[in-house]
PDB file of N, CA and C in Angstrom:
ATOM      1  N   UNK A   1      -8.219  33.515 -87.151  1.00  0.00           N
ATOM      2  CA  UNK A   1      -7.994  32.749 -86.592  1.00  0.00           C
ATOM      3  C   UNK A   1      -7.488  33.253 -85.139  1.00  0.00           C
ATOM      4  N   UNK A   2      -8.145  33.079 -83.870  1.00  0.00           N
ATOM      5  CA  UNK A   2      -7.581  33.306 -82.876  1.00  0.00           C
ATOM      6  C   UNK A   2      -6.613  33.123 -82.127  1.00  0.00           C
ATOM      7  N   UNK A   3      -5.407  33.818 -81.741  1.00  0.00           N
ATOM      8  CA  UNK A   3      -4.341  33.606 -81.379  1.00  0.00           C
ATOM      9  C   UNK A   3      -4.557  33.608 -79.266  1.00  0.00           C
ATOM     10  N   UNK A   4      -3.829  33.132 -78.406  1.00  0.00           N
ATOM     11  CA  UNK A   4      -3.691  33.301 -77.417  1.00  0.00           C
ATOM     12  C   UNK A   4      -2.162  33.821 -76.768  1.00  0.00           C
ATOM     13  N   UNK A   5      -2.197  34.614 -75.728  1.00  0.00           N
ATOM     14  CA  UNK A   5      -0.615  34.734 -75.927  1.00  0.00           C
ATOM     15  C   UNK A   5      -0.561  34.724 -74.231  1.00  0.00           C
ATOM     16  N   UNK A   6      -1.210  33.271 -73.423  1.00  0.00           N
ATOM     17  CA  UNK A   6      -1.383  33.640 -72.672  1.00  0.00           C
ATOM     18  C   UNK A   6       0.289  32.625 -72.087  1.00  0.00           C
ATOM     19  N   UNK A   7       0.908  32.158 -73.339  1.00  0.00           N
ATOM     20  CA  UNK A   7       2.136  31.988 -73.303  1.00  0.00           C
ATOM     21  C   UNK A   7       3.456  32.887 -72.839  1.00  0.00           C
ATOM     22  N   UNK A   8       2.951  33.811 -73.187  1.00  0.00           N
ATOM     23  CA  UNK A   8       3.787  34.915 -73.537  1.00  0.00           C
ATOM     24  C   UNK A   8       4.110  35.644 -72.303  1.00  0.00           C
ATOM     25  N   UNK A   9       2.924  36.036 -71.989  1.00  0.00           N
ATOM     26  CA  UNK A   9       2.317  36.458 -70.851  1.00  0.00           C
ATOM     27  C   UNK A   9       2.513  35.931 -69.539  1.00  0.00           C
ATOM     28  N   UNK A  10       2.490  34.509 -69.849  1.00  0.00           N
ATOM     29  CA  UNK A  10       3.427  33.459 -67.562  1.00  0.00           C
ATOM     30  C   UNK A  10       4.909  33.653 -68.393  1.00  0.00           C
ATOM     31  N   UNK A  11       5.458  33.997 -69.543  1.00  0.00           N
ATOM     32  CA  UNK A  11       6.747  34.362 -69.491  1.00  0.00           C
ATOM     33  C   UNK A  11       7.316  35.330 -68.244  1.00  0.00           C
ATOM     34  N   UNK A  12       6.128  36.682 -68.948  1.00  0.00           N
ATOM     35  CA  UNK A  12       6.670  37.276 -68.723  1.00  0.00           C
ATOM     36  C   UNK A  12       6.792  38.501 -67.421  1.00  0.00           C
ATOM     37  N   UNK A  13       5.765  37.277 -66.357  1.00  0.00           N
ATOM     38  CA  UNK A  13       5.660  37.228 -65.626  1.00  0.00           C
ATOM     39  C   UNK A  13       5.987  35.748 -64.708  1.00  0.00           C
ATOM     40  N   UNK A  14       7.662  34.981 -65.334  1.00  0.00           N
ATOM     41  CA  UNK A  14       8.123  33.405 -64.767  1.00  0.00           C
ATOM     42  C   UNK A  14       6.593  32.871 -63.940  1.00  0.00           C
ATOM     43  N   UNK A  15       5.924  32.969 -63.960  1.00  0.00           N
ATOM     44  CA  UNK A  15       5.255  31.263 -63.534  1.00  0.00           C
ATOM     45  C   UNK A  15       4.716  30.842 -64.646  1.00  0.00           C
ATOM     46  N   UNK A  16       4.420  29.698 -64.622  1.00  0.00           N
ATOM     47  CA  UNK A  16       4.648  28.663 -64.799  1.00  0.00           C
ATOM     48  C   UNK A  16       2.824  27.781 -64.497  1.00  0.00           C
ATOM     49  N   UNK A  17       2.627  26.360 -65.998  1.00  0.00           N
ATOM     50  CA  UNK A  17       0.970  26.826 -65.350  1.00  0.00           C
ATOM     51  C   UNK A  17       0.886  26.518 -63.912  1.00  0.00           C
ATOM     52  N   UNK A  18       1.238  25.643 -63.392  1.00  0.00           N
ATOM     53  CA  UNK A  18       0.517  25.247 -62.325  1.00  0.00           C
ATOM     54  C   UNK A  18       0.659  26.517 -61.305  1.00  0.00           C
ATOM     55  N   UNK A  19       1.296  27.321 -61.286  1.00  0.00           N
ATOM     56  CA  UNK A  19       0.618  28.600 -60.331  1.00  0.00           C
ATOM     57  C   UNK A  19      -0.595  29.430 -61.528  1.00  0.00           C
ATOM     58  N   UNK A  20      -0.117  29.315 -62.228  1.00  0.00           N
ATOM     59  CA  UNK A  20      -1.881  29.362 -62.867  1.00  0.00           C
ATOM     60  C   UNK A  20      -2.693  29.217 -62.310  1.00  0.00           C
ATOM     61  N   UNK A  21      -2.806  28.079 -62.797  1.00  0.00           N
ATOM     62  CA  UNK A  21      -4.203  27.373 -61.549  1.00  0.00           C
ATOM     63  C   UNK A  21      -4.185  27.379 -60.866  1.00  0.00           C
ATOM     64  N   UNK A  22      -3.192  27.704 -60.019  1.00  0.00           N
ATOM     65  CA  UNK A  22      -3.868  27.382 -58.191  1.00  0.00           C
ATOM     66  C   UNK A  22      -3.857  29.580 -57.936  1.00  0.00           C
ATOM     67  N   UNK A  23      -3.452  30.225 -58.438  1.00  0.00           N
ATOM     68  CA  UNK A  23      -4.042  31.430 -57.987  1.00  0.00           C
ATOM     69  C   UNK A  23      -5.125  32.132 -58.426  1.00  0.00           C
ATOM     70  N   UNK A  24      -5.281  31.070 -60.158  1.00  0.00           N
ATOM     71  CA  UNK A  24      -7.068  32.277 -60.679  1.00  0.00           C
ATOM     72  C   UNK A  24      -7.724  30.465 -60.149  1.00  0.00           C
ATOM     73  N   UNK A  25      -7.946  29.317 -59.412  1.00  0.00           N
ATOM     74  CA  UNK A  25      -8.467  28.678 -59.536  1.00  0.00           C
ATOM     75  C   UNK A  25      -9.483  27.669 -60.672  1.00  0.00           C
ATOM     76  N   UNK A  26      -7.847  27.807 -61.828  1.00  0.00           N
ATOM     77  CA  UNK A  26      -9.041  27.226 -63.103  1.00  0.00           C
ATOM     78  C   UNK A  26      -8.276  26.107 -62.670  1.00  0.00           C
ATOM     79  N   UNK A  27      -8.576  24.728 -63.881  1.00  0.00           N
ATOM     80  CA  UNK A  27      -8.428  23.884 -63.982  1.00  0.00           C
ATOM     81  C   UNK A  27      -7.554  24.012 -64.351  1.00  0.00           C
ATOM     82  N   UNK A  28      -5.795  22.535 -64.083  1.00  0.00           N
ATOM     83  CA  UNK A  28      -4.758  22.933 -64.787  1.00  0.00           C
ATOM     84  C   UNK A  28      -4.926  22.723 -66.067  1.00  0.00           C
ATOM     85  N   UNK A  29      -6.461  22.212 -66.769  1.00  0.00           N
ATOM     86  CA  UNK A  29      -6.638  21.479 -67.831  1.00  0.00           C
ATOM     87  C   UNK A  29      -7.209  22.685 -68.646  1.00  0.00           C
ATOM     88  N   UNK A  30      -7.261  23.482 -68.176  1.00  0.00           N
ATOM     89  CA  UNK A  30      -7.569  24.904 -69.343  1.00  0.00           C
ATOM     90  C   UNK A  30      -6.436  25.171 -69.466  1.00  0.00           C
ATOM     91  N   UNK A  31      -5.709  25.891 -68.169  1.00  0.00           N
ATOM     92  CA  UNK A  31      -4.632  26.672 -67.957  1.00  0.00           C
ATOM     93  C   UNK A  31      -3.427  26.729 -69.589  1.00  0.00           C
ATOM     94  N   UNK A  32      -3.669  24.924 -69.450  1.00  0.00           N
ATOM     95  CA  UNK A  32      -2.348  24.168 -70.376  1.00  0.00           C
ATOM     96  C   UNK A  32      -3.191  24.000 -71.847  1.00  0.00           C
ATOM     97  N   UNK A  33      -4.489  24.643 -71.548  1.00  0.00           N
ATOM     98  CA  UNK A  33      -4.975  23.845 -73.500  1.00  0.00           C
ATOM     99  C   UNK A  33      -4.764  25.354 -74.393  1.00  0.00           C
ATOM    100  N   UNK A  34      -4.863  26.261 -73.389  1.00  0.00           N
ATOM    101  CA  UNK A  34      -4.830  27.954 -73.329  1.00  0.00           C
ATOM    102  C   UNK A  34      -3.591  28.602 -73.452  1.00  0.00           C
ATOM    103  N   UNK A  35      -2.791  27.282 -72.437  1.00  0.00           N
ATOM    104  CA  UNK A  35      -1.096  27.714 -72.989  1.00  0.00           C
ATOM    105  C   UNK A  35      -0.862  27.141 -74.449  1.00  0.00           C
ATOM    106  N   UNK A  36      -1.291  26.061 -74.950  1.00  0.00           N
ATOM    107  CA  UNK A  36      -0.693  25.453 -76.000  1.00  0.00           C
ATOM    108  C   UNK A  36      -1.331  25.937 -77.058  1.00  0.00           C
ATOM    109  N   UNK A  37      -2.447  26.795 -77.185  1.00  0.00           N
ATOM    110  CA  UNK A  37      -3.395  27.280 -78.045  1.00  0.00           C
ATOM    111  C   UNK A  37      -3.910  26.396 -78.554  1.00  0.00           C
ATOM    112  N   UNK A  38      -4.498  25.181 -78.087  1.00  0.00           N
ATOM    113  CA  UNK A  38      -5.220  23.978 -78.750  1.00  0.00           C
ATOM    114  C   UNK A  38      -6.778  24.151 -77.895  1.00  0.00           C
ATOM    115  N   UNK A  39      -7.227  24.752 -76.497  1.00  0.00           N
ATOM    116  CA  UNK A  39      -8.701  25.428 -76.651  1.00  0.00           C
ATOM    117  C   UNK A  39      -9.091  25.499 -77.754  1.00  0.00           C
ATOM    118  N   UNK A  40      -9.966  24.785 -77.618  1.00  0.00           N
ATOM    119  CA  UNK A  40     -11.570  25.245 -78.331  1.00  0.00           C
ATOM    120  C   UNK A  40     -12.621  26.486 -78.383  1.00  0.00           C
ATOM    121  N   UNK A  41     -12.436  26.546 -76.834  1.00  0.00           N
ATOM    122  CA  UNK A  41     -13.443  27.477 -76.762  1.00  0.00           C
ATOM    123  C   UNK A  41     -12.937  27.926 -74.817  1.00  0.00           C
ATOM    124  N   UNK A  42     -13.761  28.669 -74.206  1.00  0.00           N
ATOM    125  CA  UNK A  42     -12.761  29.488 -72.920  1.00  0.00           C
ATOM    126  C   UNK A  42     -14.510  30.686 -72.647  1.00  0.00           C
ATOM    127  N   UNK A  43     -14.376  30.096 -70.991  1.00  0.00           N
ATOM    128  CA  UNK A  43     -15.439  30.376 -70.437  1.00  0.00           C
ATOM    129  C   UNK A  43     -15.175  32.093 -70.183  1.00  0.00           C
ATOM    130  N   UNK A  44     -16.162  32.668 -69.763  1.00  0.00           N
ATOM    131  CA  UNK A  44     -15.830  33.762 -69.858  1.00  0.00           C
ATOM    132  C   UNK A  44     -15.006  34.458 -68.609  1.00  0.00           C
ATOM    133  N   UNK A  45     -15.542  33.459 -67.383  1.00  0.00           N
ATOM    134  CA  UNK A  45     -15.131  33.404 -66.454  1.00  0.00           C
ATOM    135  C   UNK A  45     -14.053  33.366 -66.433  1.00  0.00           C
ATOM    136  N   UNK A  46     -12.976  32.267 -66.653  1.00  0.00           N
ATOM    137  CA  UNK A  46     -12.085  32.316 -67.468  1.00  0.00           C
ATOM    138  C   UNK A  46     -11.308  33.033 -67.371  1.00  0.00           C
ATOM    139  N   UNK A  47     -11.287  33.847 -68.668  1.00  0.00           N
ATOM    140  CA  UNK A  47     -10.882  34.815 -69.293  1.00  0.00           C
ATOM    141  C   UNK A  47     -10.639  36.641 -68.132  1.00  0.00           C
ATOM    142  N   UNK A  48     -11.961  36.253 -67.382  1.00  0.00           N
ATOM    143  CA  UNK A  48     -11.616  37.755 -66.249  1.00  0.00           C
ATOM    144  C   UNK A  48     -10.248  36.879 -65.421  1.00  0.00           C
ATOM    145  N   UNK A  49     -10.828  35.724 -64.870  1.00  0.00           N
ATOM    146  CA  UNK A  49     -10.089  35.525 -63.650  1.00  0.00           C
ATOM    147  C   UNK A  49      -8.767  35.854 -64.657  1.00  0.00           C
ATOM    148  N   UNK A  50      -7.879  34.888 -65.653  1.00  0.00           N
ATOM    149  CA  UNK A  50      -6.755  35.459 -66.087  1.00  0.00           C
ATOM    150  C   UNK A  50      -6.724  37.057 -66.220  1.00  0.00           C
ATOM    151  N   UNK A  51      -7.268  37.812 -66.423  1.00  0.00           N
ATOM    152  CA  UNK A  51      -7.313  38.470 -66.348  1.00  0.00           C
ATOM    153  C   UNK A  51      -7.140  39.791 -65.295  1.00  0.00           C
ATOM    154  N   UNK A  52      -7.235  39.199 -63.890  1.00  0.00           N
ATOM    155  CA  UNK A  52      -6.962  39.730 -62.975  1.00  0.00           C
ATOM    156  C   UNK A  52      -6.284  39.575 -62.837  1.00  0.00           C
ATOM    157  N   UNK A  53      -5.277  38.257 -63.052  1.00  0.00           N
ATOM    158  CA  UNK A  53      -4.238  37.780 -62.339  1.00  0.00           C
ATOM    159  C   UNK A  53      -2.890  38.360 -62.709  1.00  0.00           C
ATOM    160  N   UNK A  54      -2.818  39.185 -64.561  1.00  0.00           N
ATOM    161  CA  UNK A  54      -2.065  39.330 -64.943  1.00  0.00           C
ATOM    162  C   UNK A  54      -2.698  40.396 -65.172  1.00  0.00           C
ATOM    163  N   UNK A  55      -3.661  41.308 -64.456  1.00  0.00           N
ATOM    164  CA  UNK A  55      -3.814  42.815 -64.726  1.00  0.00           C
ATOM    165  C   UNK A  55      -3.691  43.357 -65.752  1.00  0.00           C
ATOM    166  N   UNK A  56      -4.681  42.256 -66.530  1.00  0.00           N
ATOM    167  CA  UNK A  56      -3.876  43.349 -68.230  1.00  0.00           C
ATOM    168  C   UNK A  56      -5.758  42.677 -69.015  1.00  0.00           C
ATOM    169  N   UNK A  57      -6.000  43.061 -70.699  1.00  0.00           N
ATOM    170  CA  UNK A  57      -7.131  43.598 -71.072  1.00  0.00           C
ATOM    171  C   UNK A  57      -7.462  42.281 -71.597  1.00  0.00           C
ATOM    172  N   UNK A  58      -8.765  41.599 -72.189  1.00  0.00           N
ATOM    173  CA  UNK A  58      -9.093  40.708 -72.744  1.00  0.00           C
ATOM    174  C   UNK A  58      -8.168  40.471 -73.936  1.00  0.00           C
ATOM    175  N   UNK A  59      -7.895  41.842 -75.373  1.00  0.00           N
ATOM    176  CA  UNK A  59      -6.963  41.894 -75.938  1.00  0.00           C
ATOM    177  C   UNK A  59      -5.671  41.607 -75.817  1.00  0.00           C
ATOM    178  N   UNK A  60      -5.026  41.388 -74.327  1.00  0.00           N
ATOM    179  CA  UNK A  60      -3.683  41.012 -74.542  1.00  0.00           C
ATOM    180  C   UNK A  60      -3.856  39.807 -74.289  1.00  0.00           C
ATOM    181  N   UNK A  61      -4.744  39.838 -73.964  1.00  0.00           N
ATOM    182  CA  UNK A  61      -4.572  37.683 -73.956  1.00  0.00           C
ATOM    183  C   UNK A  61      -4.913  36.541 -75.625  1.00  0.00           C
ATOM    184  N   UNK A  62      -5.492  37.334 -75.879  1.00  0.00           N
ATOM    185  CA  UNK A  62      -6.238  37.111 -77.334  1.00  0.00           C
ATOM    186  C   UNK A  62      -5.950  38.265 -78.846  1.00  0.00           C
ATOM    187  N   UNK A  63      -6.212  37.576 -79.494  1.00  0.00           N
ATOM    188  CA  UNK A  63      -5.716  38.058 -80.502  1.00  0.00           C
ATOM    189  C   UNK A  63      -6.662  37.273 -81.217  1.00  0.00           C
ATOM    190  N   UNK A  64      -7.106  38.384 -82.673  1.00  0.00           N
ATOM    191  CA  UNK A  64      -7.626  37.768 -83.762  1.00  0.00           C
ATOM    192  C   UNK A  64      -6.335  37.700 -85.324  1.00  0.00           C
ATOM    193  N   UNK A  65      -6.197  37.175 -86.016  1.00  0.00           N
ATOM    194  CA  UNK A  65      -5.631  37.297 -87.350  1.00  0.00           C
ATOM    195  C   UNK A  65      -6.218  36.838 -88.305  1.00  0.00           C
ATOM    196  N   UNK A  66      -6.389  37.248 -89.279  1.00  0.00           N
ATOM    197  CA  UNK A  66      -6.117  37.521 -90.636  1.00  0.00           C
ATOM    198  C   UNK A  66      -6.075  35.360 -91.027  1.00  0.00           C
ATOM    199  N   UNK A  67      -6.635  33.945 -91.516  1.00  0.00           N
ATOM    200  CA  UNK A  67      -6.299  33.035 -92.143  1.00  0.00           C
ATOM    201  C   UNK A  67      -5.436  33.855 -92.827  1.00  0.00           C
ATOM    202  N   UNK A  68      -3.967  32.757 -93.093  1.00  0.00           N
ATOM    203  CA  UNK A  68      -3.375  33.479 -94.019  1.00  0.00           C
ATOM    204  C   UNK A  68      -4.317  32.902 -95.828  1.00  0.00           C
TER     205      UNK A  68
END
């Protein structure tokens, strides 16, 4: 399973979904799906924009965990 740590990172930066959408130019729904970990897919451009905003690596946003 792929885990998305966007909610944690946003909390560390004290940002809301609307703030991330505005700063990155991503659709609010895209940010919401990643925040709630319900996204089925993610565009590489979206990952690029998020990494630039938070000055992080892809591995900071996404993590692979073995299914239990």
